[in-house]
Amino acid sequence: MINPEIRRFLSIGLVLLISSAGIALGTQVFADNHCNKNDDKKCNHSEKDHKSTSKGPVITINPTSGPSASLVTVTGNGFDPSSPIVISFQGDNRVTATWPSNGAFNTTFNVPSTSSNGDHIVKASQESNSVSKTFKVTDMVNPKITQGSNSSSKTFTDTSSVAPTITLNSTSEPVGASVNITGAGFDPSSTVAITFNDTDITTVTPSKNGEFFANFTVPLSTSVGFVQVVATQGSNSASETFIVTSNLVATSQSNVNATGQSNVNTTAPSSPNLSEMMIPHDIFA
């Protein structure tokens, strides 16, 4: 049996041992959380580990390779929701994503039919910021016809599986303004009808690569607000949203249609005062 005095001595020693360990542990925790920023390398390392990082805008493209006239889907995140995003292919603007919701967008464009094989830059630009991905243009479809020991081949672009798209050089203008429209992915064997807010504008015939270019003037009778520009070919169609910013027009606008004919509009609707002609505020009222 242990002597009571010895037992008391052992108990006091155990308490002191536990207290010393607690003090040492608490001192280390305090040191870890309150280290010397100038001398302690561990402190600096910890600060780097906990330093917050801000993510910039990013995009993905799908697919990342294919023949010319391929339909490419561009998905983006982390952009400013208050301004539009321009998608370009090797410096050629293809489509505009307007006012991305919560900084995210999803849009499509067709690779230009004139693109050469190799790597090309797909860029999403928003004011002074931009991000890019690489798209590789591969060989086009190359069917081969064989007869006995003779054979021949011809390269062409297959547009049968390409969804048609259109692109406007500007998506907001007043009435009377001149707007360029470019299309891709259409059937070269039939015409394309272009309408503005359900009003017939012109018809065009795509090139052998399924592309077209045309120009139209925003009709003077159009009301201020959002309208649809639609290119229709049979059961297929492509559309873009256009904003009419004002029903007041400059004194002269030139319109060159797809046939190369030029028309000049010199009339303008009457206005109650000059200030309204100078400030296209109708859409912001």
C-alpha atoms as a PDB file:
ATOM      1  CA  MET A   1       0.000   0.000   0.000  1.00  0.00           C
ATOM      2  CA  ILE A   2       1.317   3.421  -1.028  1.00  0.00           C
ATOM      3  CA  ASN A   3       2.026   5.887   1.686  1.00  0.00           C
ATOM      4  CA  PRO A   4      -0.486   8.808   1.659  1.00  0.00           C
ATOM      5  CA  GLU A   5       2.313  11.354   1.517  1.00  0.00           C
ATOM      6  CA  ILE A   6       3.851   9.658  -1.506  1.00  0.00           C
ATOM      7  CA  ARG A   7       0.427   9.444  -3.185  1.00  0.00           C
ATOM      8  CA  ARG A   8      -0.132  13.154  -2.626  1.00  0.00           C
ATOM      9  CA  PHE A   9       3.312  13.922  -4.022  1.00  0.00           C
ATOM     10  CA  LEU A  10       2.635  11.846  -7.148  1.00  0.00           C
ATOM     11  CA  SER A  11      -0.746  13.543  -7.655  1.00  0.00           C
ATOM     12  CA  ILE A  12       0.805  17.005  -7.441  1.00  0.00           C
ATOM     13  CA  GLY A  13       3.533  15.960  -9.887  1.00  0.00           C
ATOM     14  CA  LEU A  14       0.946  14.619 -12.402  1.00  0.00           C
ATOM     15  CA  VAL A  15      -1.055  17.862 -12.223  1.00  0.00           C
ATOM     16  CA  LEU A  16       2.071  19.921 -12.781  1.00  0.00           C
ATOM     17  CA  LEU A  17       3.055  17.717 -15.763  1.00  0.00           C
ATOM     18  CA  ILE A  18      -0.360  18.107 -17.402  1.00  0.00           C
ATOM     19  CA  SER A  19      -0.368  21.866 -16.770  1.00  0.00           C
ATOM     20  CA  SER A  20       3.105  22.234 -18.304  1.00  0.00           C
ATOM     21  CA  ALA A  21       2.038  20.329 -21.409  1.00  0.00           C
ATOM     22  CA  GLY A  22      -1.059  22.519 -21.768  1.00  0.00           C
ATOM     23  CA  ILE A  23       0.949  25.689 -21.399  1.00  0.00           C
ATOM     24  CA  ALA A  24       3.453  24.489 -24.008  1.00  0.00           C
ATOM     25  CA  LEU A  25       0.668  23.554 -26.450  1.00  0.00           C
ATOM     26  CA  GLY A  26      -1.114  26.873 -25.941  1.00  0.00           C
ATOM     27  CA  THR A  27       2.119  28.770 -26.459  1.00  0.00           C
ATOM     28  CA  GLN A  28       2.726  26.930 -29.773  1.00  0.00           C
ATOM     29  CA  VAL A  29      -0.809  27.621 -30.993  1.00  0.00           C
ATOM     30  CA  PHE A  30      -0.439  31.292 -30.105  1.00  0.00           C
ATOM     31  CA  ALA A  31       2.912  31.411 -31.880  1.00  0.00           C
ATOM     32  CA  ASP A  32       1.428  29.822 -34.999  1.00  0.00           C
ATOM     33  CA  ASN A  33      -1.362  32.378 -35.089  1.00  0.00           C
ATOM     34  CA  HIS A  34       0.712  35.395 -34.054  1.00  0.00           C
ATOM     35  CA  CYS A  35       4.050  34.833 -35.736  1.00  0.00           C
ATOM     36  CA  ASN A  36       6.606  37.475 -36.595  1.00  0.00           C
ATOM     37  CA  LYS A  37       5.850  38.450 -40.182  1.00  0.00           C
ATOM     38  CA  ASN A  38       9.398  39.704 -40.747  1.00  0.00           C
ATOM     39  CA  ASP A  39      11.414  36.823 -39.288  1.00  0.00           C
ATOM     40  CA  ASP A  40       9.278  33.694 -39.304  1.00  0.00           C
ATOM     41  CA  LYS A  41       9.353  31.850 -42.654  1.00  0.00           C
ATOM     42  CA  LYS A  42       6.535  29.598 -41.500  1.00  0.00           C
ATOM     43  CA  CYS A  43       4.383  32.650 -40.937  1.00  0.00           C
ATOM     44  CA  ASN A  44       5.040  33.903 -44.433  1.00  0.00           C
ATOM     45  CA  HIS A  45       4.283  30.487 -45.861  1.00  0.00           C
ATOM     46  CA  SER A  46       1.012  30.344 -43.921  1.00  0.00           C
ATOM     47  CA  GLU A  47      -0.013  33.740 -45.218  1.00  0.00           C
ATOM     48  CA  LYS A  48       0.576  32.602 -48.776  1.00  0.00           C
ATOM     49  CA  ASP A  49      -1.545  29.500 -48.182  1.00  0.00           C
ATOM     50  CA  HIS A  50      -4.441  31.586 -46.890  1.00  0.00           C
ATOM     51  CA  LYS A  51      -4.133  34.453 -49.342  1.00  0.00           C
ATOM     52  CA  SER A  52      -7.340  34.831 -51.308  1.00  0.00           C
ATOM     53  CA  THR A  53      -7.156  34.650 -55.064  1.00  0.00           C
ATOM     54  CA  SER A  54      -9.608  36.267 -57.452  1.00  0.00           C
ATOM     55  CA  LYS A  55     -10.568  34.286 -60.558  1.00  0.00           C
ATOM     56  CA  GLY A  56     -10.721  36.108 -63.878  1.00  0.00           C
ATOM     57  CA  PRO A  57     -12.956  35.292 -66.835  1.00  0.00           C
ATOM     58  CA  VAL A  58     -12.558  31.895 -68.503  1.00  0.00           C
ATOM     59  CA  ILE A  59     -13.955  30.273 -71.650  1.00  0.00           C
ATOM     60  CA  THR A  60     -14.231  26.765 -73.062  1.00  0.00           C
ATOM     61  CA  ILE A  61     -14.868  25.788 -76.678  1.00  0.00           C
ATOM     62  CA  ASN A  62     -16.442  22.637 -78.062  1.00  0.00           C
ATOM     63  CA  PRO A  63     -15.189  21.120 -80.255  1.00  0.00           C
ATOM     64  CA  THR A  64     -11.556  22.214 -80.183  1.00  0.00           C
ATOM     65  CA  SER A  65     -10.846  21.044 -83.738  1.00  0.00           C
ATOM     66  CA  GLY A  66     -12.670  20.409 -86.992  1.00  0.00           C
ATOM     67  CA  PRO A  67     -12.982  21.456 -90.632  1.00  0.00           C
ATOM     68  CA  SER A  68     -13.827  24.959 -91.782  1.00  0.00           C
ATOM     69  CA  ALA A  69     -17.524  25.914 -91.385  1.00  0.00           C
ATOM     70  CA  SER A  70     -17.696  23.795 -88.204  1.00  0.00           C
ATOM     71  CA  LEU A  71     -20.147  24.967 -85.551  1.00  0.00           C
ATOM     72  CA  VAL A  72     -18.284  25.880 -82.346  1.00  0.00           C
ATOM     73  CA  THR A  73     -19.909  26.414 -78.952  1.00  0.00           C
ATOM     74  CA  VAL A  74     -18.263  28.956 -76.643  1.00  0.00           C
ATOM     75  CA  THR A  75     -19.082  28.899 -72.926  1.00  0.00           C
ATOM     76  CA  GLY A  76     -17.795  31.601 -70.576  1.00  0.00           C
ATOM     77  CA  ASN A  77     -17.828  32.442 -66.870  1.00  0.00           C
ATOM     78  CA  GLY A  78     -16.524  35.236 -64.667  1.00  0.00           C
ATOM     79  CA  PHE A  79     -17.349  38.099 -67.048  1.00  0.00           C
ATOM     80  CA  ASP A  80     -18.831  41.492 -66.214  1.00  0.00           C
ATOM     81  CA  PRO A  81     -22.633  41.161 -66.624  1.00  0.00           C
ATOM     82  CA  SER A  82     -22.973  44.843 -67.502  1.00  0.00           C
ATOM     83  CA  SER A  83     -21.271  44.829 -70.926  1.00  0.00           C
ATOM     84  CA  PRO A  84     -21.331  42.646 -74.064  1.00  0.00           C
ATOM     85  CA  ILE A  85     -18.684  40.103 -75.067  1.00  0.00           C
ATOM     86  CA  VAL A  86     -17.316  39.853 -78.619  1.00  0.00           C
ATOM     87  CA  ILE A  87     -16.225  36.430 -79.870  1.00  0.00           C
ATOM     88  CA  SER A  88     -13.595  36.509 -82.605  1.00  0.00           C
ATOM     89  CA  PHE A  89     -11.856  33.825 -84.655  1.00  0.00           C
ATOM     90  CA  GLN A  90      -8.298  34.758 -85.594  1.00  0.00           C
ATOM     91  CA  GLY A  91      -9.213  38.450 -85.295  1.00  0.00           C
ATOM     92  CA  ASP A  92     -12.470  38.142 -87.256  1.00  0.00           C
ATOM     93  CA  ASN A  93     -15.503  39.037 -85.103  1.00  0.00           C
ATOM     94  CA  ARG A  94     -18.041  36.223 -85.379  1.00  0.00           C
ATOM     95  CA  VAL A  95     -20.711  36.818 -82.725  1.00  0.00           C
ATOM     96  CA  THR A  96     -21.583  39.073 -79.773  1.00  0.00           C
ATOM     97  CA  ALA A  97     -22.893  37.777 -76.442  1.00  0.00           C
ATOM     98  CA  THR A  98     -25.014  40.626 -75.051  1.00  0.00           C
ATOM     99  CA  TRP A  99     -25.326  41.247 -71.290  1.00  0.00           C
ATOM    100  CA  PRO A 100     -24.139  37.856 -69.916  1.00  0.00           C
ATOM    101  CA  SER A 101     -26.370  36.698 -67.051  1.00  0.00           C
ATOM    102  CA  ASN A 102     -24.385  36.549 -63.784  1.00  0.00           C
ATOM    103  CA  GLY A 103     -21.210  36.870 -65.843  1.00  0.00           C
ATOM    104  CA  ALA A 104     -21.866  33.596 -67.712  1.00  0.00           C
ATOM    105  CA  PHE A 105     -22.769  33.070 -71.367  1.00  0.00           C
ATOM    106  CA  ASN A 106     -23.162  30.379 -74.010  1.00  0.00           C
ATOM    107  CA  THR A 107     -23.066  31.127 -77.733  1.00  0.00           C
ATOM    108  CA  THR A 108     -22.128  29.547 -81.061  1.00  0.00           C
ATOM    109  CA  PHE A 109     -20.392  30.548 -84.286  1.00  0.00           C
ATOM    110  CA  ASN A 110     -19.232  28.921 -87.502  1.00  0.00           C
ATOM    111  CA  VAL A 111     -15.558  28.694 -88.371  1.00  0.00           C
ATOM    112  CA  PRO A 112     -14.972  30.804 -91.518  1.00  0.00           C
ATOM    113  CA  SER A 113     -15.038  28.626 -94.632  1.00  0.00           C
ATOM    114  CA  THR A 114     -11.844  30.297 -95.860  1.00  0.00           C
ATOM    115  CA  SER A 115      -9.807  29.248 -92.807  1.00  0.00           C
ATOM    116  CA  SER A 116      -6.557  27.419 -93.520  1.00  0.00           C
ATOM    117  CA  ASN A 117      -5.529  24.254 -91.736  1.00  0.00           C
ATOM    118  CA  GLY A 118      -3.747  24.717 -88.417  1.00  0.00           C
ATOM    119  CA  ASP A 119      -4.209  26.468 -85.077  1.00  0.00           C
ATOM    120  CA  HIS A 120      -6.403  29.564 -84.817  1.00  0.00           C
ATOM    121  CA  ILE A 121      -7.226  31.803 -81.840  1.00  0.00           C
ATOM    122  CA  VAL A 122     -10.785  31.988 -80.509  1.00  0.00           C
ATOM    123  CA  LYS A 123     -10.970  35.077 -78.293  1.00  0.00           C
ATOM    124  CA  ALA A 124     -13.667  36.433 -75.984  1.00  0.00           C
ATOM    125  CA  SER A 125     -13.147  40.189 -75.520  1.00  0.00           C
ATOM    126  CA  GLN A 126     -14.929  42.469 -73.078  1.00  0.00           C
ATOM    127  CA  GLU A 127     -13.655  46.044 -73.114  1.00  0.00           C
ATOM    128  CA  SER A 128      -9.931  45.845 -72.159  1.00  0.00           C
ATOM    129  CA  ASN A 129     -10.125  42.224 -70.922  1.00  0.00           C
ATOM    130  CA  SER A 130      -9.898  39.108 -73.078  1.00  0.00           C
ATOM    131  CA  VAL A 131      -9.350  35.362 -72.806  1.00  0.00           C
ATOM    132  CA  SER A 132      -8.642  32.919 -75.605  1.00  0.00           C
ATOM    133  CA  LYS A 133      -8.548  29.276 -76.650  1.00  0.00           C
ATOM    134  CA  THR A 134      -7.019  27.512 -79.634  1.00  0.00           C
ATOM    135  CA  PHE A 135      -9.104  25.855 -82.346  1.00  0.00           C
ATOM    136  CA  LYS A 136      -7.376  23.574 -84.836  1.00  0.00           C
ATOM    137  CA  VAL A 137      -8.758  23.607 -88.377  1.00  0.00           C
ATOM    138  CA  THR A 138      -8.341  20.138 -89.882  1.00  0.00           C
ATOM    139  CA  ASP A 139      -8.658  18.754 -93.403  1.00  0.00           C
ATOM    140  CA  MET A 140     -12.029  19.124 -95.055  1.00  0.00           C
ATOM    141  CA  VAL A 141     -14.067  16.180 -96.316  1.00  0.00           C
ATOM    142  CA  ASN A 142     -12.201  14.564 -99.220  1.00  0.00           C
ATOM    143  CA  PRO A 143     -14.282  11.903-101.005  1.00  0.00           C
ATOM    144  CA  LYS A 144     -12.468   9.704-103.518  1.00  0.00           C
ATOM    145  CA  ILE A 145     -14.005   8.219-106.644  1.00  0.00           C
ATOM    146  CA  THR A 146     -12.328   5.084-107.973  1.00  0.00           C
ATOM    147  CA  GLN A 147     -12.853   3.364-111.315  1.00  0.00           C
ATOM    148  CA  GLY A 148     -10.528   0.480-112.016  1.00  0.00           C
ATOM    149  CA  SER A 149      -6.965   1.702-111.734  1.00  0.00           C
ATOM    150  CA  ASN A 150      -8.058   5.357-112.073  1.00  0.00           C
ATOM    151  CA  SER A 151      -9.227   7.584-109.269  1.00  0.00           C
ATOM    152  CA  SER A 152      -9.965  11.242-108.650  1.00  0.00           C
ATOM    153  CA  SER A 153     -10.788  13.303-105.606  1.00  0.00           C
ATOM    154  CA  LYS A 154     -12.136  16.739-104.767  1.00  0.00           C
ATOM    155  CA  THR A 155     -12.129  18.635-101.489  1.00  0.00           C
ATOM    156  CA  PHE A 156     -15.309  20.334-100.359  1.00  0.00           C
ATOM    157  CA  THR A 157     -16.972  21.562 -97.177  1.00  0.00           C
ATOM    158  CA  ASP A 158     -19.911  19.518 -95.956  1.00  0.00           C
ATOM    159  CA  THR A 159     -22.488  21.981 -94.591  1.00  0.00           C
ATOM    160  CA  SER A 160     -25.346  19.492 -94.224  1.00  0.00           C
ATOM    161  CA  SER A 161     -24.633  18.977 -90.510  1.00  0.00           C
ATOM    162  CA  VAL A 162     -23.698  22.607 -89.753  1.00  0.00           C
ATOM    163  CA  ALA A 163     -26.317  24.723 -87.998  1.00  0.00           C
ATOM    164  CA  PRO A 164     -26.827  28.072 -89.787  1.00  0.00           C
ATOM    165  CA  THR A 165     -25.789  31.220 -87.946  1.00  0.00           C
ATOM    166  CA  ILE A 166     -25.832  34.953 -88.643  1.00  0.00           C
ATOM    167  CA  THR A 167     -23.713  37.792 -87.291  1.00  0.00           C
ATOM    168  CA  LEU A 168     -24.444  41.537 -87.279  1.00  0.00           C
ATOM    169  CA  ASN A 169     -21.638  44.086 -87.319  1.00  0.00           C
ATOM    170  CA  SER A 170     -23.724  46.149 -84.867  1.00  0.00           C
ATOM    171  CA  THR A 171     -26.552  45.013 -82.600  1.00  0.00           C
ATOM    172  CA  SER A 172     -27.934  48.468 -81.694  1.00  0.00           C
ATOM    173  CA  GLU A 173     -28.581  51.451 -83.991  1.00  0.00           C
ATOM    174  CA  PRO A 174     -31.270  54.094 -84.695  1.00  0.00           C
ATOM    175  CA  VAL A 175     -33.669  53.839 -87.611  1.00  0.00           C
ATOM    176  CA  GLY A 176     -32.056  54.559 -90.963  1.00  0.00           C
ATOM    177  CA  ALA A 177     -28.701  53.100 -89.903  1.00  0.00           C
ATOM    178  CA  SER A 178     -26.803  50.752 -92.210  1.00  0.00           C
ATOM    179  CA  VAL A 179     -26.146  47.254 -90.814  1.00  0.00           C
ATOM    180  CA  ASN A 180     -24.025  44.433 -92.251  1.00  0.00           C
ATOM    181  CA  ILE A 181     -25.178  40.832 -91.849  1.00  0.00           C
ATOM    182  CA  THR A 182     -23.006  37.757 -92.388  1.00  0.00           C
ATOM    183  CA  GLY A 183     -24.308  34.200 -92.537  1.00  0.00           C
ATOM    184  CA  ALA A 184     -22.689  30.769 -92.425  1.00  0.00           C
ATOM    185  CA  GLY A 185     -23.802  27.154 -92.511  1.00  0.00           C
ATOM    186  CA  PHE A 186     -26.532  27.650 -95.143  1.00  0.00           C
ATOM    187  CA  ASP A 187     -27.352  25.450 -98.142  1.00  0.00           C
ATOM    188  CA  PRO A 188     -25.630  26.884-101.246  1.00  0.00           C
ATOM    189  CA  SER A 189     -28.392  25.566-103.516  1.00  0.00           C
ATOM    190  CA  SER A 190     -31.213  27.856-102.332  1.00  0.00           C
ATOM    191  CA  THR A 191     -31.768  31.484-101.341  1.00  0.00           C
ATOM    192  CA  VAL A 192     -31.978  32.908 -97.837  1.00  0.00           C
ATOM    193  CA  ALA A 193     -34.742  35.367 -96.887  1.00  0.00           C
ATOM    194  CA  ILE A 194     -33.796  38.047 -94.343  1.00  0.00           C
ATOM    195  CA  THR A 195     -36.442  39.760 -92.224  1.00  0.00           C
ATOM    196  CA  PHE A 196     -36.254  42.603 -89.713  1.00  0.00           C
ATOM    197  CA  ASN A 197     -39.017  42.539 -87.100  1.00  0.00           C
ATOM    198  CA  ASP A 198     -41.070  40.290 -89.452  1.00  0.00           C
ATOM    199  CA  THR A 199     -40.558  42.741 -92.322  1.00  0.00           C
ATOM    200  CA  ASP A 200     -38.905  41.407 -95.467  1.00  0.00           C
ATOM    201  CA  ILE A 201     -35.528  43.075 -96.044  1.00  0.00           C
ATOM    202  CA  THR A 202     -33.786  41.164 -98.828  1.00  0.00           C
ATOM    203  CA  THR A 203     -32.915  37.722-100.165  1.00  0.00           C
ATOM    204  CA  VAL A 204     -29.405  36.421-100.767  1.00  0.00           C
ATOM    205  CA  THR A 205     -27.814  33.330-102.291  1.00  0.00           C
ATOM    206  CA  PRO A 206     -25.082  31.684-100.191  1.00  0.00           C
ATOM    207  CA  SER A 207     -21.691  30.881-101.675  1.00  0.00           C
ATOM    208  CA  LYS A 208     -20.624  27.303-102.364  1.00  0.00           C
ATOM    209  CA  ASN A 209     -19.285  27.248 -98.798  1.00  0.00           C
ATOM    210  CA  GLY A 210     -22.682  28.167 -97.348  1.00  0.00           C
ATOM    211  CA  GLU A 211     -21.794  31.748 -96.433  1.00  0.00           C
ATOM    212  CA  PHE A 212     -23.331  35.074 -97.439  1.00  0.00           C
ATOM    213  CA  PHE A 213     -22.924  38.795 -96.864  1.00  0.00           C
ATOM    214  CA  ALA A 214     -25.637  41.456 -97.137  1.00  0.00           C
ATOM    215  CA  ASN A 215     -26.392  44.976 -95.988  1.00  0.00           C
ATOM    216  CA  PHE A 216     -29.690  46.533 -94.961  1.00  0.00           C
ATOM    217  CA  THR A 217     -31.062  49.772 -93.552  1.00  0.00           C
ATOM    218  CA  VAL A 218     -33.063  49.771 -90.310  1.00  0.00           C
ATOM    219  CA  PRO A 219     -36.611  50.593 -91.526  1.00  0.00           C
ATOM    220  CA  LEU A 220     -37.765  54.123 -90.702  1.00  0.00           C
ATOM    221  CA  SER A 221     -41.124  52.827 -89.445  1.00  0.00           C
ATOM    222  CA  THR A 222     -39.531  50.639 -86.747  1.00  0.00           C
ATOM    223  CA  SER A 223     -40.420  51.406 -83.121  1.00  0.00           C
ATOM    224  CA  VAL A 224     -37.774  51.788 -80.437  1.00  0.00           C
ATOM    225  CA  GLY A 225     -36.938  48.557 -78.606  1.00  0.00           C
ATOM    226  CA  PHE A 226     -35.848  44.981 -79.216  1.00  0.00           C
ATOM    227  CA  VAL A 227     -36.466  43.299 -82.582  1.00  0.00           C
ATOM    228  CA  GLN A 228     -35.365  40.090 -84.264  1.00  0.00           C
ATOM    229  CA  VAL A 229     -33.258  39.847 -87.412  1.00  0.00           C
ATOM    230  CA  VAL A 230     -33.969  36.424 -88.954  1.00  0.00           C
ATOM    231  CA  ALA A 231     -32.405  34.584 -91.888  1.00  0.00           C
ATOM    232  CA  THR A 232     -34.691  31.796 -93.120  1.00  0.00           C
ATOM    233  CA  GLN A 233     -33.956  29.028 -95.609  1.00  0.00           C
ATOM    234  CA  GLY A 234     -36.644  26.389 -95.886  1.00  0.00           C
ATOM    235  CA  SER A 235     -37.192  24.857 -92.449  1.00  0.00           C
ATOM    236  CA  ASN A 236     -33.882  26.236 -91.132  1.00  0.00           C
ATOM    237  CA  SER A 237     -33.347  29.691 -89.693  1.00  0.00           C
ATOM    238  CA  ALA A 238     -30.917  31.747 -87.628  1.00  0.00           C
ATOM    239  CA  SER A 239     -31.630  34.931 -85.702  1.00  0.00           C
ATOM    240  CA  GLU A 240     -30.000  37.771 -83.781  1.00  0.00           C
ATOM    241  CA  THR A 241     -31.503  40.314 -81.394  1.00  0.00           C
ATOM    242  CA  PHE A 242     -31.201  43.946 -82.480  1.00  0.00           C
ATOM    243  CA  ILE A 243     -31.953  47.063 -80.403  1.00  0.00           C
ATOM    244  CA  VAL A 244     -33.493  50.071 -82.130  1.00  0.00           C
ATOM    245  CA  THR A 245     -32.167  52.945 -80.031  1.00  0.00           C
ATOM    246  CA  SER A 246     -34.116  55.818 -81.577  1.00  0.00           C
ATOM    247  CA  ASN A 247     -36.763  56.523 -84.225  1.00  0.00           C
ATOM    248  CA  LEU A 248     -34.877  59.691 -85.236  1.00  0.00           C
ATOM    249  CA  VAL A 249     -32.633  59.346 -88.248  1.00  0.00           C
ATOM    250  CA  ALA A 250     -29.748  61.271 -89.790  1.00  0.00           C
ATOM    251  CA  THR A 251     -30.364  63.213 -92.997  1.00  0.00           C
ATOM    252  CA  SER A 252     -28.641  60.664 -95.202  1.00  0.00           C
ATOM    253  CA  GLN A 253     -28.020  56.920 -94.959  1.00  0.00           C
ATOM    254  CA  SER A 254     -26.639  54.647 -97.642  1.00  0.00           C
ATOM    255  CA  ASN A 255     -27.895  51.103 -98.112  1.00  0.00           C
ATOM    256  CA  VAL A 256     -26.066  48.628-100.307  1.00  0.00           C
ATOM    257  CA  ASN A 257     -27.995  45.402-100.766  1.00  0.00           C
ATOM    258  CA  ALA A 258     -26.678  41.997-101.745  1.00  0.00           C
ATOM    259  CA  THR A 259     -27.011  42.749-105.489  1.00  0.00           C
ATOM    260  CA  GLY A 260     -24.693  45.758-105.244  1.00  0.00           C
ATOM    261  CA  GLN A 261     -27.413  48.368-105.822  1.00  0.00           C
ATOM    262  CA  SER A 262     -27.234  51.518-103.715  1.00  0.00           C
ATOM    263  CA  ASN A 263     -30.160  53.369-102.211  1.00  0.00           C
ATOM    264  CA  VAL A 264     -29.954  56.636-100.278  1.00  0.00           C
ATOM    265  CA  ASN A 265     -32.560  57.607 -97.724  1.00  0.00           C
ATOM    266  CA  THR A 266     -32.870  61.372 -97.317  1.00  0.00           C
ATOM    267  CA  THR A 267     -36.119  61.636 -95.373  1.00  0.00           C
ATOM    268  CA  ALA A 268     -36.585  61.758 -91.632  1.00  0.00           C
ATOM    269  CA  PRO A 269     -39.704  61.728 -89.447  1.00  0.00           C
ATOM    270  CA  SER A 270     -40.733  65.036 -87.963  1.00  0.00           C
ATOM    271  CA  SER A 271     -39.433  65.800 -84.476  1.00  0.00           C
ATOM    272  CA  PRO A 272     -40.937  68.008 -81.774  1.00  0.00           C
ATOM    273  CA  ASN A 273     -37.603  69.651 -80.960  1.00  0.00           C
ATOM    274  CA  LEU A 274     -33.933  69.579 -81.898  1.00  0.00           C
ATOM    275  CA  SER A 275     -32.708  68.181 -78.572  1.00  0.00           C
ATOM    276  CA  GLU A 276     -34.518  64.917 -79.195  1.00  0.00           C
ATOM    277  CA  MET A 277     -32.697  64.529 -82.488  1.00  0.00           C
ATOM    278  CA  MET A 278     -29.366  64.969 -80.775  1.00  0.00           C
ATOM    279  CA  ILE A 279     -29.915  62.571 -77.866  1.00  0.00           C
ATOM    280  CA  PRO A 280     -31.187  59.042 -78.721  1.00  0.00           C
ATOM    281  CA  HIS A 281     -32.715  58.580 -75.296  1.00  0.00           C
ATOM    282  CA  ASP A 282     -35.946  56.864 -76.329  1.00  0.00           C
ATOM    283  CA  ILE A 283     -34.864  53.402 -75.302  1.00  0.00           C
ATOM    284  CA  PHE A 284     -33.683  54.520 -71.886  1.00  0.00           C
ATOM    285  CA  ALA A 285     -36.896  56.369 -70.984  1.00  0.00           C
END
